Amino acid sequence: MLVLCIRLPGIAVKDARVHPDTACFLIPFLVCAYGFCIAFSVALYQAYKLLTYIEQNNAFSELSFKALKIIKKCAFTVIFLILVGIVSLRVLAQVTDSDDAAGPTSLCRLMGIFSNKHHRSHCGRTSEAINKCPDIKSK
């Protein structure tokens, strides 16, 4: 992930030199790529914290619930950034009069959105279970 963040501006500059007429469309892709990297890194750190809480027998604490909420928000952010990338790709295809956007667009839709919806729903079910757990302990 770190290598992607470091190498991405160099790749964007090379592409802008080769295709100067579409260089302004690189900005949304760079914003999406960096936003995706940040959201993924935050979610990965929160998953590590959640595993630490589970190891310390604090799986059903408020801290683990907070970590799951942050992971869920990161999943929403990744879905939003994928959608912005798809829209940017469609606009780029319209401007350059090409139909090349169909393949990458459908691939992004399938891989990104469905996998993140799965993670988001899993976090939602787990956080509901954590919320119900104090009620079970009190009975």
N, C-alpha and C. Protein backbone atom coordinates (compact mmCIF):
# COMPACT_ATOMS: atom_id res chain seq x y z
N MET A 1 0.84 -1.18 0.00
CA MET A 1 0.00 0.00 0.00
C MET A 1 0.89 1.25 0.00
N LEU A 2 1.93 1.20 0.81
CA LEU A 2 2.84 2.34 0.88
C LEU A 2 3.56 2.55 -0.44
N VAL A 3 3.93 1.46 -1.10
CA VAL A 3 4.60 1.55 -2.40
C VAL A 3 3.68 2.19 -3.43
N LEU A 4 2.40 1.83 -3.37
CA LEU A 4 1.43 2.42 -4.29
C LEU A 4 1.32 3.93 -4.07
N CYS A 5 1.29 4.34 -2.82
CA CYS A 5 1.17 5.78 -2.52
C CYS A 5 2.41 6.55 -2.95
N ILE A 6 3.56 5.91 -2.89
CA ILE A 6 4.80 6.59 -3.27
C ILE A 6 4.97 6.63 -4.79
N ARG A 7 4.65 5.54 -5.48
CA ARG A 7 4.89 5.45 -6.91
C ARG A 7 3.78 6.06 -7.77
N LEU A 8 2.59 6.24 -7.20
CA LEU A 8 1.45 6.69 -7.98
C LEU A 8 1.62 8.07 -8.61
N PRO A 9 2.18 9.07 -7.92
CA PRO A 9 2.37 10.37 -8.58
C PRO A 9 3.31 10.30 -9.78
N GLY A 10 4.34 9.50 -9.69
CA GLY A 10 5.26 9.35 -10.82
C GLY A 10 4.59 8.73 -12.03
N ILE A 11 3.77 7.74 -11.79
CA ILE A 11 3.01 7.12 -12.87
C ILE A 11 2.04 8.11 -13.49
N ALA A 12 1.39 8.91 -12.63
CA ALA A 12 0.43 9.92 -13.12
C ALA A 12 1.13 10.99 -13.96
N VAL A 13 2.32 11.40 -13.55
CA VAL A 13 3.06 12.41 -14.31
C VAL A 13 3.46 11.86 -15.69
N LYS A 14 3.92 10.61 -15.72
CA LYS A 14 4.27 10.00 -17.01
C LYS A 14 3.06 9.91 -17.93
N ASP A 15 1.92 9.53 -17.38
CA ASP A 15 0.71 9.44 -18.19
C ASP A 15 0.25 10.82 -18.66
N ALA A 16 0.42 11.83 -17.82
CA ALA A 16 0.03 13.19 -18.21
C ALA A 16 0.92 13.71 -19.33
N ARG A 17 2.19 13.32 -19.34
CA ARG A 17 3.07 13.74 -20.43
C ARG A 17 2.72 13.05 -21.74
N VAL A 18 2.30 11.81 -21.66
CA VAL A 18 1.96 11.06 -22.87
C VAL A 18 0.60 11.51 -23.42
N HIS A 19 -0.36 11.76 -22.52
CA HIS A 19 -1.71 12.16 -22.93
C HIS A 19 -2.06 13.50 -22.28
N PRO A 20 -1.55 14.61 -22.80
CA PRO A 20 -1.80 15.90 -22.14
C PRO A 20 -3.25 16.37 -22.25
N ASP A 21 -4.01 15.86 -23.21
CA ASP A 21 -5.41 16.30 -23.35
C ASP A 21 -6.31 15.74 -22.26
N THR A 22 -5.94 14.62 -21.65
CA THR A 22 -6.75 14.03 -20.58
C THR A 22 -6.05 14.08 -19.22
N ALA A 23 -5.08 14.94 -19.09
CA ALA A 23 -4.33 15.00 -17.83
C ALA A 23 -5.19 15.49 -16.66
N CYS A 24 -6.19 16.32 -16.94
CA CYS A 24 -7.02 16.82 -15.84
C CYS A 24 -7.88 15.72 -15.22
N PHE A 25 -8.08 14.61 -15.91
CA PHE A 25 -8.87 13.51 -15.37
C PHE A 25 -8.08 12.63 -14.42
N LEU A 26 -6.78 12.88 -14.30
CA LEU A 26 -5.98 12.10 -13.36
C LEU A 26 -6.23 12.51 -11.92
N ILE A 27 -6.68 13.73 -11.71
CA ILE A 27 -6.90 14.21 -10.34
C ILE A 27 -7.95 13.39 -9.61
N PRO A 28 -9.13 13.10 -10.20
CA PRO A 28 -10.08 12.26 -9.47
C PRO A 28 -9.54 10.86 -9.18
N PHE A 29 -8.77 10.31 -10.11
CA PHE A 29 -8.20 8.99 -9.87
C PHE A 29 -7.19 9.03 -8.72
N LEU A 30 -6.37 10.06 -8.66
CA LEU A 30 -5.41 10.18 -7.57
C LEU A 30 -6.11 10.38 -6.23
N VAL A 31 -7.15 11.20 -6.22
CA VAL A 31 -7.91 11.41 -4.98
C VAL A 31 -8.54 10.10 -4.52
N CYS A 32 -9.13 9.37 -5.45
CA CYS A 32 -9.74 8.08 -5.11
C CYS A 32 -8.69 7.08 -4.62
N ALA A 33 -7.56 7.05 -5.28
CA ALA A 33 -6.52 6.09 -4.90
C ALA A 33 -5.97 6.40 -3.50
N TYR A 34 -5.68 7.66 -3.23
CA TYR A 34 -5.17 8.00 -1.90
C TYR A 34 -6.25 7.84 -0.84
N GLY A 35 -7.48 8.19 -1.15
CA GLY A 35 -8.58 7.99 -0.20
C GLY A 35 -8.79 6.51 0.10
N PHE A 36 -8.70 5.68 -0.94
CA PHE A 36 -8.83 4.25 -0.76
C PHE A 36 -7.71 3.72 0.13
N CYS A 37 -6.48 4.16 -0.11
CA CYS A 37 -5.34 3.71 0.70
C CYS A 37 -5.50 4.11 2.16
N ILE A 38 -5.96 5.34 2.39
CA ILE A 38 -6.14 5.81 3.76
C ILE A 38 -7.25 5.03 4.45
N ALA A 39 -8.39 4.86 3.78
CA ALA A 39 -9.52 4.13 4.38
C ALA A 39 -9.14 2.68 4.66
N PHE A 40 -8.44 2.06 3.73
CA PHE A 40 -8.03 0.67 3.93
C PHE A 40 -7.05 0.54 5.08
N SER A 41 -6.12 1.47 5.19
CA SER A 41 -5.15 1.42 6.28
C SER A 41 -5.81 1.63 7.63
N VAL A 42 -6.76 2.55 7.70
CA VAL A 42 -7.48 2.78 8.96
C VAL A 42 -8.28 1.53 9.34
N ALA A 43 -8.95 0.92 8.37
CA ALA A 43 -9.72 -0.30 8.65
C ALA A 43 -8.81 -1.44 9.09
N LEU A 44 -7.65 -1.54 8.47
CA LEU A 44 -6.70 -2.58 8.85
C LEU A 44 -6.19 -2.38 10.27
N TYR A 45 -5.91 -1.14 10.64
CA TYR A 45 -5.47 -0.84 12.00
C TYR A 45 -6.58 -1.14 13.02
N GLN A 46 -7.82 -0.79 12.67
CA GLN A 46 -8.93 -1.05 13.58
C GLN A 46 -9.17 -2.56 13.72
N ALA A 47 -8.96 -3.32 12.66
CA ALA A 47 -9.08 -4.77 12.75
C ALA A 47 -7.99 -5.34 13.66
N TYR A 48 -6.81 -4.78 13.59
CA TYR A 48 -5.73 -5.20 14.50
C TYR A 48 -6.10 -4.89 15.94
N LYS A 49 -6.65 -3.69 16.18
CA LYS A 49 -7.08 -3.34 17.53
C LYS A 49 -8.19 -4.27 18.01
N LEU A 50 -9.11 -4.61 17.12
CA LEU A 50 -10.20 -5.51 17.49
C LEU A 50 -9.66 -6.89 17.87
N LEU A 51 -8.70 -7.38 17.12
CA LEU A 51 -8.08 -8.67 17.46
C LEU A 51 -7.34 -8.60 18.79
N THR A 52 -6.75 -7.45 19.08
CA THR A 52 -6.09 -7.27 20.38
C THR A 52 -7.11 -7.30 21.51
N TYR A 53 -8.26 -6.66 21.31
CA TYR A 53 -9.32 -6.69 22.33
C TYR A 53 -9.83 -8.11 22.53
N ILE A 54 -9.96 -8.86 21.47
CA ILE A 54 -10.42 -10.25 21.59
C ILE A 54 -9.40 -11.08 22.35
N GLU A 55 -8.12 -10.84 22.08
CA GLU A 55 -7.06 -11.58 22.77
C GLU A 55 -7.05 -11.26 24.27
N GLN A 56 -7.40 -10.03 24.62
CA GLN A 56 -7.42 -9.61 26.03
C GLN A 56 -8.76 -9.90 26.70
N ASN A 57 -9.60 -10.69 26.07
CA ASN A 57 -10.93 -11.05 26.56
C ASN A 57 -11.83 -9.83 26.74
N ASN A 58 -11.67 -8.84 25.88
CA ASN A 58 -12.55 -7.67 25.84
C ASN A 58 -13.32 -7.63 24.54
N ALA A 59 -13.72 -8.80 24.06
CA ALA A 59 -14.38 -8.86 22.76
C ALA A 59 -15.73 -8.17 22.77
N PHE A 60 -16.40 -8.15 23.91
CA PHE A 60 -17.73 -7.57 23.98
C PHE A 60 -17.72 -6.25 24.75
N SER A 61 -16.70 -5.45 24.51
CA SER A 61 -16.59 -4.16 25.19
C SER A 61 -17.00 -3.03 24.25
N GLU A 62 -17.07 -1.85 24.81
CA GLU A 62 -17.41 -0.66 24.03
C GLU A 62 -16.30 -0.33 23.02
N LEU A 63 -15.06 -0.65 23.37
CA LEU A 63 -13.94 -0.38 22.47
C LEU A 63 -14.02 -1.23 21.20
N SER A 64 -14.41 -2.48 21.35
CA SER A 64 -14.54 -3.33 20.16
C SER A 64 -15.73 -2.88 19.30
N PHE A 65 -16.79 -2.41 19.94
CA PHE A 65 -17.93 -1.88 19.20
C PHE A 65 -17.52 -0.64 18.41
N LYS A 66 -16.71 0.22 19.02
CA LYS A 66 -16.23 1.42 18.33
C LYS A 66 -15.34 1.06 17.15
N ALA A 67 -14.48 0.05 17.32
CA ALA A 67 -13.60 -0.38 16.23
C ALA A 67 -14.43 -0.93 15.07
N LEU A 68 -15.48 -1.67 15.36
CA LEU A 68 -16.34 -2.19 14.30
C LEU A 68 -17.08 -1.08 13.57
N LYS A 69 -17.48 -0.05 14.30
CA LYS A 69 -18.15 1.08 13.65
C LYS A 69 -17.20 1.81 12.71
N ILE A 70 -15.95 1.96 13.11
CA ILE A 70 -14.97 2.62 12.25
C ILE A 70 -14.69 1.78 11.01
N ILE A 71 -14.60 0.46 11.17
CA ILE A 71 -14.40 -0.42 10.01
C ILE A 71 -15.58 -0.30 9.06
N LYS A 72 -16.78 -0.22 9.60
CA LYS A 72 -17.98 -0.07 8.76
C LYS A 72 -17.96 1.25 8.00
N LYS A 73 -17.54 2.34 8.65
CA LYS A 73 -17.45 3.63 7.97
C LYS A 73 -16.38 3.60 6.89
N CYS A 74 -15.28 2.91 7.13
CA CYS A 74 -14.24 2.78 6.11
C CYS A 74 -14.75 2.00 4.90
N ALA A 75 -15.59 0.99 5.14
CA ALA A 75 -16.17 0.24 4.03
C ALA A 75 -17.08 1.14 3.19
N PHE A 76 -17.88 1.98 3.85
CA PHE A 76 -18.71 2.93 3.12
C PHE A 76 -17.85 3.90 2.31
N THR A 77 -16.74 4.35 2.89
CA THR A 77 -15.85 5.27 2.20
C THR A 77 -15.25 4.62 0.96
N VAL A 78 -14.84 3.37 1.09
CA VAL A 78 -14.25 2.67 -0.06
C VAL A 78 -15.30 2.49 -1.15
N ILE A 79 -16.53 2.15 -0.79
CA ILE A 79 -17.60 2.02 -1.79
C ILE A 79 -17.81 3.35 -2.51
N PHE A 80 -17.85 4.45 -1.75
CA PHE A 80 -18.05 5.77 -2.35
C PHE A 80 -16.91 6.11 -3.30
N LEU A 81 -15.67 5.84 -2.89
CA LEU A 81 -14.53 6.16 -3.74
C LEU A 81 -14.50 5.30 -5.00
N ILE A 82 -14.93 4.06 -4.91
CA ILE A 82 -15.02 3.22 -6.10
C ILE A 82 -16.06 3.78 -7.06
N LEU A 83 -17.19 4.24 -6.52
CA LEU A 83 -18.22 4.83 -7.37
C LEU A 83 -17.73 6.11 -8.04
N VAL A 84 -16.98 6.93 -7.31
CA VAL A 84 -16.41 8.15 -7.91
C VAL A 84 -15.42 7.78 -9.01
N GLY A 85 -14.62 6.75 -8.78
CA GLY A 85 -13.69 6.29 -9.81
C GLY A 85 -14.41 5.78 -11.05
N ILE A 86 -15.52 5.09 -10.86
CA ILE A 86 -16.30 4.59 -12.00
C ILE A 86 -16.87 5.76 -12.80
N VAL A 87 -17.41 6.75 -12.09
CA VAL A 87 -17.96 7.92 -12.78
C VAL A 87 -16.86 8.65 -13.54
N SER A 88 -15.69 8.80 -12.93
CA SER A 88 -14.57 9.46 -13.61
C SER A 88 -14.14 8.69 -14.85
N LEU A 89 -14.15 7.38 -14.74
CA LEU A 89 -13.78 6.56 -15.89
C LEU A 89 -14.80 6.70 -17.01
N ARG A 90 -16.07 6.77 -16.66
CA ARG A 90 -17.12 6.96 -17.67
C ARG A 90 -17.00 8.32 -18.35
N VAL A 91 -16.73 9.36 -17.57
CA VAL A 91 -16.57 10.71 -18.14
C VAL A 91 -15.36 10.73 -19.06
N LEU A 92 -14.28 10.11 -18.64
CA LEU A 92 -13.08 10.05 -19.48
C LEU A 92 -13.37 9.32 -20.79
N ALA A 93 -14.14 8.25 -20.73
CA ALA A 93 -14.49 7.52 -21.95
C ALA A 93 -15.38 8.36 -22.86
N GLN A 94 -16.26 9.17 -22.28
CA GLN A 94 -17.12 10.03 -23.09
C GLN A 94 -16.32 11.13 -23.78
N VAL A 95 -15.35 11.70 -23.05
CA VAL A 95 -14.56 12.80 -23.59
C VAL A 95 -13.63 12.32 -24.70
N THR A 96 -13.06 11.16 -24.51
CA THR A 96 -12.10 10.66 -25.51
C THR A 96 -12.76 9.84 -26.60
N ASP A 97 -14.07 9.73 -26.60
CA ASP A 97 -14.83 8.99 -27.61
C ASP A 97 -14.37 7.54 -27.76
N SER A 98 -14.18 6.89 -26.62
CA SER A 98 -13.81 5.48 -26.66
C SER A 98 -14.78 4.68 -25.80
N ASP A 99 -14.86 3.40 -26.08
CA ASP A 99 -15.73 2.51 -25.32
C ASP A 99 -14.91 1.57 -24.44
N ASP A 100 -13.71 1.96 -24.08
CA ASP A 100 -12.84 1.11 -23.28
C ASP A 100 -13.25 1.05 -21.82
N ALA A 101 -14.14 1.89 -21.37
CA ALA A 101 -14.48 1.94 -19.95
C ALA A 101 -15.38 0.81 -19.49
N ALA A 102 -15.97 0.06 -20.40
CA ALA A 102 -16.93 -0.98 -20.00
C ALA A 102 -16.26 -2.10 -19.20
N GLY A 103 -15.11 -2.56 -19.62
CA GLY A 103 -14.43 -3.65 -18.91
C GLY A 103 -13.98 -3.27 -17.51
N PRO A 104 -13.16 -2.22 -17.37
CA PRO A 104 -12.73 -1.84 -16.03
C PRO A 104 -13.88 -1.40 -15.12
N THR A 105 -14.90 -0.79 -15.70
CA THR A 105 -16.03 -0.35 -14.89
C THR A 105 -16.76 -1.54 -14.30
N SER A 106 -17.03 -2.54 -15.10
CA SER A 106 -17.75 -3.71 -14.57
C SER A 106 -16.88 -4.49 -13.60
N LEU A 107 -15.59 -4.53 -13.83
CA LEU A 107 -14.69 -5.22 -12.91
C LEU A 107 -14.66 -4.51 -11.56
N CYS A 108 -14.60 -3.17 -11.58
CA CYS A 108 -14.63 -2.40 -10.33
C CYS A 108 -15.94 -2.62 -9.59
N ARG A 109 -17.01 -2.65 -10.33
CA ARG A 109 -18.32 -2.86 -9.70
C ARG A 109 -18.38 -4.20 -9.01
N LEU A 110 -17.99 -5.24 -9.71
CA LEU A 110 -18.10 -6.58 -9.14
C LEU A 110 -17.20 -6.78 -7.94
N MET A 111 -15.93 -6.48 -8.11
CA MET A 111 -14.98 -6.75 -7.04
C MET A 111 -15.15 -5.81 -5.85
N GLY A 112 -15.16 -4.54 -6.12
CA GLY A 112 -15.14 -3.58 -5.03
C GLY A 112 -16.42 -3.47 -4.25
N ILE A 113 -17.50 -3.25 -4.90
CA ILE A 113 -18.74 -2.96 -4.20
C ILE A 113 -19.27 -4.19 -3.47
N PHE A 114 -19.27 -5.34 -4.12
CA PHE A 114 -19.82 -6.52 -3.47
C PHE A 114 -18.96 -7.00 -2.31
N SER A 115 -17.65 -6.91 -2.44
CA SER A 115 -16.82 -7.33 -1.32
C SER A 115 -16.95 -6.39 -0.14
N ASN A 116 -17.06 -5.09 -0.41
CA ASN A 116 -17.23 -4.15 0.68
C ASN A 116 -18.61 -4.24 1.32
N LYS A 117 -19.63 -4.54 0.53
CA LYS A 117 -20.95 -4.73 1.10
C LYS A 117 -20.94 -5.93 2.03
N HIS A 118 -20.19 -6.95 1.67
CA HIS A 118 -20.08 -8.13 2.53
C HIS A 118 -19.41 -7.76 3.85
N HIS A 119 -18.31 -7.03 3.79
CA HIS A 119 -17.61 -6.64 5.01
C HIS A 119 -18.47 -5.72 5.86
N ARG A 120 -19.17 -4.80 5.21
CA ARG A 120 -20.03 -3.86 5.93
C ARG A 120 -21.15 -4.61 6.65
N SER A 121 -21.78 -5.56 5.98
CA SER A 121 -22.86 -6.30 6.62
C SER A 121 -22.34 -7.19 7.74
N HIS A 122 -21.15 -7.75 7.57
CA HIS A 122 -20.56 -8.57 8.62
C HIS A 122 -20.26 -7.72 9.85
N CYS A 123 -19.73 -6.52 9.64
CA CYS A 123 -19.48 -5.62 10.78
C CYS A 123 -20.78 -5.23 11.47
N GLY A 124 -21.83 -5.03 10.70
CA GLY A 124 -23.13 -4.68 11.28
C GLY A 124 -23.68 -5.81 12.14
N ARG A 125 -23.59 -7.05 11.65
CA ARG A 125 -24.09 -8.18 12.43
C ARG A 125 -23.26 -8.38 13.69
N THR A 126 -21.95 -8.21 13.59
CA THR A 126 -21.09 -8.38 14.76
C THR A 126 -21.35 -7.30 15.79
N SER A 127 -21.52 -6.05 15.34
CA SER A 127 -21.78 -4.98 16.29
C SER A 127 -23.15 -5.15 16.95
N GLU A 128 -24.14 -5.69 16.25
CA GLU A 128 -25.42 -5.98 16.88
C GLU A 128 -25.27 -7.04 17.96
N ALA A 129 -24.45 -8.05 17.68
CA ALA A 129 -24.21 -9.09 18.68
C ALA A 129 -23.51 -8.53 19.90
N ILE A 130 -22.59 -7.60 19.69
CA ILE A 130 -21.88 -6.99 20.81
C ILE A 130 -22.84 -6.12 21.63
N ASN A 131 -23.74 -5.43 20.96
CA ASN A 131 -24.72 -4.61 21.68
C ASN A 131 -25.66 -5.46 22.52
N LYS A 132 -26.03 -6.64 22.03
CA LYS A 132 -26.95 -7.50 22.76
C LYS A 132 -26.27 -8.26 23.89
N CYS A 133 -24.96 -8.37 23.83
CA CYS A 133 -24.23 -9.17 24.81
C CYS A 133 -24.38 -8.66 26.24
N PRO A 134 -24.30 -7.35 26.54
CA PRO A 134 -24.50 -6.93 27.93
C PRO A 134 -25.90 -7.29 28.45
N ASP A 135 -26.89 -7.32 27.59
CA ASP A 135 -28.23 -7.73 28.00
C ASP A 135 -28.24 -9.19 28.40
N ILE A 136 -27.49 -10.00 27.69
CA ILE A 136 -27.41 -11.43 28.01
C ILE A 136 -26.66 -11.64 29.32
N LYS A 137 -25.58 -10.89 29.53
CA LYS A 137 -24.80 -11.02 30.76
C LYS A 137 -25.60 -10.59 31.98
N SER A 138 -26.44 -9.57 31.82
CA SER A 138 -27.21 -9.10 32.97
C SER A 138 -28.31 -10.06 33.36
N LYS A 139 -28.81 -10.88 32.42
CA LYS A 139 -29.84 -11.86 32.74
C LYS A 139 -29.20 -13.06 33.36
